[in-house]
Amino acid sequence: MATSVKTAISMQEDLLIEVNRIAEELKVSRSRLFVLAVQDFIKKQESQKLLAQINDAFSDLPDAEEKIVQSGMRRKYIDSLGDESW
């Protein structure tokens, strides 16, 4: 199990009141609520990074010139099949 480390943070009083209210509703300590919130934040950041990588991978779609070349290649391939029956 990982070692716990204490830290101090500063926040606006109205935010702290909301944190206390939510912690009470969830029946967890304020510390536990902060841990849950930070874990959730980290997961969302990782998901956004992964989504950006996926989008980058699929953003390399053929441009107009490449589409023309692909179409020509497709026709030549079909023509090369001739009258072969499958």
N, C-alpha and C. Protein backbone atom coordinates (compact mmCIF):
# COMPACT_ATOMS: atom_id res chain seq x y z
N MET A 1 0.83 -1.17 0.00
CA MET A 1 0.00 0.00 0.00
C MET A 1 0.88 1.24 0.00
N ALA A 2 0.45 2.26 -0.72
CA ALA A 2 1.22 3.49 -0.82
C ALA A 2 1.21 4.26 0.49
N THR A 3 2.27 4.98 0.72
CA THR A 3 2.37 5.80 1.92
C THR A 3 1.52 7.05 1.76
N SER A 4 0.78 7.40 2.80
CA SER A 4 -0.01 8.63 2.77
C SER A 4 0.86 9.80 3.19
N VAL A 5 0.62 10.94 2.56
CA VAL A 5 1.36 12.16 2.85
C VAL A 5 0.37 13.26 3.12
N LYS A 6 0.60 14.03 4.15
CA LYS A 6 -0.28 15.15 4.47
C LYS A 6 0.11 16.35 3.63
N THR A 7 -0.88 17.13 3.26
CA THR A 7 -0.64 18.37 2.53
C THR A 7 -1.67 19.40 2.95
N ALA A 8 -1.38 20.63 2.70
CA ALA A 8 -2.32 21.70 3.02
C ALA A 8 -2.68 22.42 1.73
N ILE A 9 -3.94 22.80 1.61
CA ILE A 9 -4.38 23.55 0.45
C ILE A 9 -5.19 24.76 0.92
N SER A 10 -5.25 25.74 0.08
CA SER A 10 -6.06 26.93 0.37
C SER A 10 -7.18 27.00 -0.65
N MET A 11 -8.36 27.41 -0.17
CA MET A 11 -9.50 27.54 -1.07
C MET A 11 -10.47 28.55 -0.50
N GLN A 12 -11.38 28.97 -1.32
CA GLN A 12 -12.39 29.92 -0.86
C GLN A 12 -13.31 29.23 0.14
N GLU A 13 -13.79 30.01 1.08
CA GLU A 13 -14.61 29.46 2.15
C GLU A 13 -15.89 28.82 1.63
N ASP A 14 -16.52 29.42 0.63
CA ASP A 14 -17.76 28.84 0.12
C ASP A 14 -17.52 27.48 -0.54
N LEU A 15 -16.36 27.32 -1.15
CA LEU A 15 -16.01 26.02 -1.73
C LEU A 15 -15.80 24.98 -0.63
N LEU A 16 -15.14 25.37 0.44
CA LEU A 16 -14.92 24.46 1.56
C LEU A 16 -16.25 24.03 2.19
N ILE A 17 -17.19 24.94 2.29
CA ILE A 17 -18.51 24.61 2.83
C ILE A 17 -19.17 23.55 1.94
N GLU A 18 -19.05 23.72 0.62
CA GLU A 18 -19.62 22.74 -0.32
C GLU A 18 -18.91 21.39 -0.19
N VAL A 19 -17.61 21.41 -0.05
CA VAL A 19 -16.83 20.17 0.13
C VAL A 19 -17.30 19.45 1.39
N ASN A 20 -17.44 20.17 2.47
CA ASN A 20 -17.90 19.57 3.72
C ASN A 20 -19.29 18.96 3.57
N ARG A 21 -20.17 19.66 2.85
CA ARG A 21 -21.53 19.16 2.64
C ARG A 21 -21.52 17.85 1.85
N ILE A 22 -20.74 17.83 0.79
CA ILE A 22 -20.69 16.63 -0.04
C ILE A 22 -20.04 15.47 0.71
N ALA A 23 -18.99 15.74 1.44
CA ALA A 23 -18.33 14.68 2.23
C ALA A 23 -19.31 14.09 3.23
N GLU A 24 -20.10 14.94 3.85
CA GLU A 24 -21.09 14.46 4.81
C GLU A 24 -22.15 13.61 4.12
N GLU A 25 -22.61 14.06 2.96
CA GLU A 25 -23.61 13.29 2.20
C GLU A 25 -23.09 11.92 1.82
N LEU A 26 -21.85 11.88 1.40
CA LEU A 26 -21.24 10.62 0.96
C LEU A 26 -20.72 9.78 2.12
N LYS A 27 -20.75 10.36 3.30
CA LYS A 27 -20.26 9.68 4.51
C LYS A 27 -18.79 9.26 4.35
N VAL A 28 -17.99 10.21 3.86
CA VAL A 28 -16.54 10.01 3.76
C VAL A 28 -15.87 11.23 4.40
N SER A 29 -14.62 11.06 4.73
CA SER A 29 -13.89 12.19 5.28
C SER A 29 -13.60 13.21 4.18
N ARG A 30 -13.31 14.42 4.60
CA ARG A 30 -12.96 15.45 3.63
C ARG A 30 -11.70 15.03 2.87
N SER A 31 -10.74 14.44 3.56
CA SER A 31 -9.52 13.97 2.91
C SER A 31 -9.84 12.94 1.83
N ARG A 32 -10.72 12.01 2.18
CA ARG A 32 -11.09 10.96 1.21
C ARG A 32 -11.79 11.58 0.00
N LEU A 33 -12.62 12.58 0.23
CA LEU A 33 -13.30 13.25 -0.87
C LEU A 33 -12.29 13.92 -1.81
N PHE A 34 -11.29 14.57 -1.25
CA PHE A 34 -10.25 15.19 -2.08
C PHE A 34 -9.49 14.13 -2.89
N VAL A 35 -9.18 13.01 -2.25
CA VAL A 35 -8.49 11.92 -2.96
C VAL A 35 -9.34 11.43 -4.12
N LEU A 36 -10.62 11.20 -3.86
CA LEU A 36 -11.52 10.74 -4.93
C LEU A 36 -11.60 11.75 -6.07
N ALA A 37 -11.68 13.02 -5.71
CA ALA A 37 -11.77 14.07 -6.72
C ALA A 37 -10.50 14.13 -7.58
N VAL A 38 -9.36 14.02 -6.94
CA VAL A 38 -8.09 14.08 -7.67
C VAL A 38 -7.93 12.84 -8.55
N GLN A 39 -8.30 11.67 -8.04
CA GLN A 39 -8.23 10.45 -8.85
C GLN A 39 -9.13 10.58 -10.08
N ASP A 40 -10.32 11.10 -9.90
CA ASP A 40 -11.25 11.30 -11.01
C ASP A 40 -10.66 12.28 -12.02
N PHE A 41 -10.09 13.36 -11.53
CA PHE A 41 -9.48 14.36 -12.40
C PHE A 41 -8.35 13.74 -13.23
N ILE A 42 -7.49 12.94 -12.59
CA ILE A 42 -6.38 12.30 -13.29
C ILE A 42 -6.89 11.36 -14.37
N LYS A 43 -7.91 10.57 -14.06
CA LYS A 43 -8.48 9.65 -15.06
C LYS A 43 -9.04 10.42 -16.25
N LYS A 44 -9.70 11.53 -15.99
CA LYS A 44 -10.24 12.34 -17.09
C LYS A 44 -9.12 12.92 -17.95
N GLN A 45 -8.04 13.36 -17.32
CA GLN A 45 -6.91 13.88 -18.08
C GLN A 45 -6.29 12.80 -18.95
N GLU A 46 -6.14 11.59 -18.40
CA GLU A 46 -5.58 10.48 -19.17
C GLU A 46 -6.49 10.13 -20.33
N SER A 47 -7.80 10.15 -20.10
CA SER A 47 -8.76 9.86 -21.17
C SER A 47 -8.68 10.90 -22.27
N GLN A 48 -8.54 12.16 -21.88
CA GLN A 48 -8.43 13.23 -22.88
C GLN A 48 -7.15 13.09 -23.70
N LYS A 49 -6.06 12.70 -23.06
CA LYS A 49 -4.81 12.48 -23.78
C LYS A 49 -4.95 11.32 -24.76
N LEU A 50 -5.58 10.24 -24.31
CA LEU A 50 -5.79 9.09 -25.18
C LEU A 50 -6.68 9.45 -26.36
N LEU A 51 -7.74 10.19 -26.11
CA LEU A 51 -8.63 10.62 -27.18
C LEU A 51 -7.88 11.49 -28.17
N ALA A 52 -7.03 12.37 -27.70
CA ALA A 52 -6.23 13.22 -28.59
C ALA A 52 -5.31 12.37 -29.45
N GLN A 53 -4.71 11.34 -28.86
CA GLN A 53 -3.83 10.45 -29.63
C GLN A 53 -4.62 9.69 -30.69
N ILE A 54 -5.80 9.23 -30.34
CA ILE A 54 -6.65 8.52 -31.30
C ILE A 54 -7.06 9.46 -32.43
N ASN A 55 -7.47 10.67 -32.07
CA ASN A 55 -7.85 11.65 -33.09
C ASN A 55 -6.69 11.97 -34.01
N ASP A 56 -5.49 12.10 -33.45
CA ASP A 56 -4.30 12.35 -34.28
C ASP A 56 -4.05 11.20 -35.24
N ALA A 57 -4.22 9.97 -34.74
CA ALA A 57 -3.98 8.80 -35.58
C ALA A 57 -4.95 8.73 -36.75
N PHE A 58 -6.19 9.16 -36.54
CA PHE A 58 -7.20 9.08 -37.59
C PHE A 58 -7.34 10.37 -38.37
N SER A 59 -6.56 11.40 -38.05
CA SER A 59 -6.68 12.66 -38.76
C SER A 59 -5.93 12.67 -40.08
N ASP A 60 -5.17 11.65 -40.33
CA ASP A 60 -4.37 11.57 -41.54
C ASP A 60 -5.17 10.92 -42.67
N LEU A 61 -6.34 11.47 -42.95
CA LEU A 61 -7.18 10.95 -44.02
C LEU A 61 -6.61 11.38 -45.36
N PRO A 62 -6.91 10.63 -46.41
CA PRO A 62 -6.38 11.01 -47.72
C PRO A 62 -6.95 12.36 -48.18
N ASP A 63 -6.06 13.17 -48.79
CA ASP A 63 -6.52 14.43 -49.34
C ASP A 63 -7.11 14.18 -50.73
N ALA A 64 -7.55 15.22 -51.41
CA ALA A 64 -8.23 15.07 -52.71
C ALA A 64 -7.35 14.35 -53.72
N GLU A 65 -6.07 14.70 -53.77
CA GLU A 65 -5.16 14.07 -54.74
C GLU A 65 -5.00 12.58 -54.43
N GLU A 66 -4.85 12.24 -53.16
CA GLU A 66 -4.72 10.83 -52.77
C GLU A 66 -5.97 10.04 -53.11
N LYS A 67 -7.14 10.66 -52.97
CA LYS A 67 -8.39 9.98 -53.30
C LYS A 67 -8.47 9.68 -54.79
N ILE A 68 -7.98 10.60 -55.62
CA ILE A 68 -7.97 10.39 -57.08
C ILE A 68 -7.06 9.21 -57.41
N VAL A 69 -5.88 9.18 -56.79
CA VAL A 69 -4.93 8.08 -57.03
C VAL A 69 -5.55 6.76 -56.58
N GLN A 70 -6.19 6.75 -55.40
CA GLN A 70 -6.81 5.52 -54.91
C GLN A 70 -7.91 5.04 -55.85
N SER A 71 -8.69 5.97 -56.35
CA SER A 71 -9.77 5.61 -57.27
C SER A 71 -9.20 4.99 -58.54
N GLY A 72 -8.13 5.60 -59.07
CA GLY A 72 -7.49 5.05 -60.27
C GLY A 72 -6.92 3.67 -60.01
N MET A 73 -6.30 3.48 -58.86
CA MET A 73 -5.74 2.17 -58.51
C MET A 73 -6.85 1.13 -58.39
N ARG A 74 -7.97 1.54 -57.80
CA ARG A 74 -9.10 0.64 -57.65
C ARG A 74 -9.63 0.20 -59.03
N ARG A 75 -9.75 1.14 -59.97
CA ARG A 75 -10.22 0.79 -61.32
C ARG A 75 -9.26 -0.16 -62.01
N LYS A 76 -7.95 0.13 -61.90
CA LYS A 76 -6.95 -0.75 -62.53
C LYS A 76 -7.02 -2.15 -61.93
N TYR A 77 -7.22 -2.25 -60.64
CA TYR A 77 -7.31 -3.55 -59.99
C TYR A 77 -8.54 -4.30 -60.49
N ILE A 78 -9.67 -3.61 -60.57
CA ILE A 78 -10.90 -4.24 -61.05
C ILE A 78 -10.73 -4.68 -62.49
N ASP A 79 -10.11 -3.83 -63.30
CA ASP A 79 -9.87 -4.18 -64.70
C ASP A 79 -8.95 -5.39 -64.81
N SER A 80 -7.99 -5.50 -63.89
CA SER A 80 -7.04 -6.61 -63.96
C SER A 80 -7.70 -7.95 -63.63
N LEU A 81 -8.83 -7.88 -62.93
CA LEU A 81 -9.55 -9.13 -62.62
C LEU A 81 -10.23 -9.70 -63.84
N GLY A 82 -10.54 -8.85 -64.79
CA GLY A 82 -11.16 -9.31 -66.03
C GLY A 82 -12.47 -10.00 -65.78
N ASP A 83 -12.64 -11.09 -66.46
CA ASP A 83 -13.89 -11.84 -66.38
C ASP A 83 -13.81 -13.04 -65.46
N GLU A 84 -12.88 -13.00 -64.53
CA GLU A 84 -12.74 -14.12 -63.61
C GLU A 84 -14.01 -14.28 -62.79
N SER A 85 -14.44 -15.51 -62.61
CA SER A 85 -15.61 -15.76 -61.77
C SER A 85 -15.15 -16.26 -60.42
N TRP A 86 -15.81 -15.83 -59.45
CA TRP A 86 -15.44 -16.21 -58.10
C TRP A 86 -16.42 -17.23 -57.66
